[in-house]
């Protein structure tokens, strides 16, 4: 068989499974002096697969798509996607949809 390139370099790595906390990515400030009273993320954690060397003694950051605070005027639920480093993959084949509930007040 004639293939181009005739060889391919392959690197194998040991994979580990780990539970990682999903952190909401909050951008900007709430309008009119409002304050965040609480934030709830569902699911709070996600099972991921990553190369053992990539996660050794290192915190793995899994965040949501951006949430822009300047457009929030009352308690809000926002559905987000997950953003993770390229070496980190979901254990369940695809990332879950994430619900972020933000409670605000003065």
Protein backbone atom coordinates (compact mmCIF):
# COMPACT_ATOMS: atom_id res chain seq x y z
CA UNK A 1 0.00 0.00 0.00
CA UNK A 2 1.34 3.42 -0.92
CA UNK A 3 0.57 5.96 1.83
CA UNK A 4 1.86 9.43 2.39
CA UNK A 5 3.38 9.91 4.92
CA UNK A 6 4.72 6.39 5.09
CA UNK A 7 4.97 6.52 8.89
CA UNK A 8 3.22 8.30 11.72
CA UNK A 9 4.66 9.17 15.14
CA UNK A 10 2.38 8.08 17.96
CA UNK A 11 2.67 8.99 21.65
CA UNK A 12 0.79 6.97 24.26
CA UNK A 13 -0.04 8.28 27.72
CA UNK A 14 -1.63 6.78 30.80
CA UNK A 15 -5.12 8.22 31.39
CA UNK A 16 -6.73 8.90 34.76
CA UNK A 17 -10.34 9.65 35.66
CA UNK A 18 -11.00 12.51 38.05
CA UNK A 19 -13.97 14.52 39.38
CA UNK A 20 -13.46 18.22 38.65
CA UNK A 21 -15.48 21.20 39.90
CA UNK A 22 -17.15 23.35 37.23
CA UNK A 23 -16.58 27.06 37.90
CA UNK A 24 -18.81 29.74 36.36
CA UNK A 25 -16.94 32.28 34.23
CA UNK A 26 -18.37 35.62 35.43
CA UNK A 27 -17.53 38.75 33.43
CA UNK A 28 -18.26 42.38 34.27
CA UNK A 29 -20.22 43.85 37.18
CA UNK A 30 -23.85 43.73 38.22
CA UNK A 31 -25.78 46.94 37.46
CA UNK A 32 -26.84 49.56 40.04
CA UNK A 33 -24.74 48.45 43.00
CA UNK A 34 -26.33 44.99 43.14
CA UNK A 35 -24.40 42.12 44.73
CA UNK A 36 -24.30 38.39 44.12
CA UNK A 37 -25.95 36.63 47.07
CA UNK A 38 -25.33 33.07 45.86
CA UNK A 39 -24.33 31.02 42.83
CA UNK A 40 -25.37 27.41 42.28
CA UNK A 41 -23.90 25.31 39.47
CA UNK A 42 -25.68 22.10 38.37
CA UNK A 43 -23.93 19.75 37.94
CA UNK A 44 -21.32 21.00 40.39
CA UNK A 45 -18.71 18.47 39.25
CA UNK A 46 -17.96 16.53 36.09
CA UNK A 47 -15.97 13.31 35.56
CA UNK A 48 -13.05 13.88 33.21
CA UNK A 49 -10.29 11.85 31.58
CA UNK A 50 -6.82 13.34 31.35
CA UNK A 51 -3.23 12.21 30.82
CA UNK A 52 -1.59 11.39 34.17
CA UNK A 53 1.33 13.74 33.41
CA UNK A 54 -1.00 16.66 32.54
CA UNK A 55 -2.77 16.63 35.90
CA UNK A 56 0.03 15.68 38.25
CA UNK A 57 0.00 18.09 41.21
CA UNK A 58 -1.97 20.58 39.16
CA UNK A 59 -5.49 21.96 39.53
CA UNK A 60 -7.53 21.26 36.42
CA UNK A 61 -9.80 24.19 35.48
CA UNK A 62 -13.14 23.45 33.89
CA UNK A 63 -15.25 26.58 33.40
CA UNK A 64 -18.53 27.59 31.80
CA UNK A 65 -18.98 29.75 28.74
CA UNK A 66 -18.96 33.45 29.77
CA UNK A 67 -21.80 34.88 31.89
CA UNK A 68 -22.10 38.66 31.44
CA UNK A 69 -23.20 40.17 34.76
CA UNK A 70 -24.15 43.63 33.44
CA UNK A 71 -27.34 42.17 31.90
CA UNK A 72 -28.56 40.55 35.15
CA UNK A 73 -31.16 42.56 37.11
CA UNK A 74 -32.82 39.82 39.19
CA UNK A 75 -32.38 36.16 40.16
CA UNK A 76 -31.44 34.33 36.97
CA UNK A 77 -30.88 30.81 35.63
CA UNK A 78 -28.49 30.56 32.69
CA UNK A 79 -27.66 27.46 30.66
CA UNK A 80 -23.99 27.21 29.68
CA UNK A 81 -21.53 24.92 27.96
CA UNK A 82 -18.27 23.63 29.44
CA UNK A 83 -14.83 24.93 28.45
CA UNK A 84 -11.83 22.74 29.35
CA UNK A 85 -8.15 22.44 28.36
CA UNK A 86 -7.62 20.37 25.19
CA UNK A 87 -5.99 17.49 27.11
CA UNK A 88 -9.08 17.15 29.34
CA UNK A 89 -11.98 15.15 27.91
CA UNK A 90 -15.39 14.24 29.39
CA UNK A 91 -15.58 10.69 30.74
CA UNK A 92 -19.15 10.33 29.40
CA UNK A 93 -18.30 11.05 25.72
CA UNK A 94 -19.75 14.58 25.75
CA UNK A 95 -19.81 17.55 28.10
CA UNK A 96 -23.02 18.07 30.09
CA UNK A 97 -25.12 21.20 29.76
CA UNK A 98 -24.60 23.30 32.88
CA UNK A 99 -27.25 25.36 34.69
CA UNK A 100 -25.97 28.34 36.67
CA UNK A 101 -28.42 29.99 39.08
CA UNK A 102 -27.38 33.45 40.25
CA UNK A 103 -29.28 35.09 43.13
CA UNK A 104 -28.77 38.84 43.47
CA UNK A 105 -29.75 41.61 45.87
CA UNK A 106 -28.64 44.91 47.45
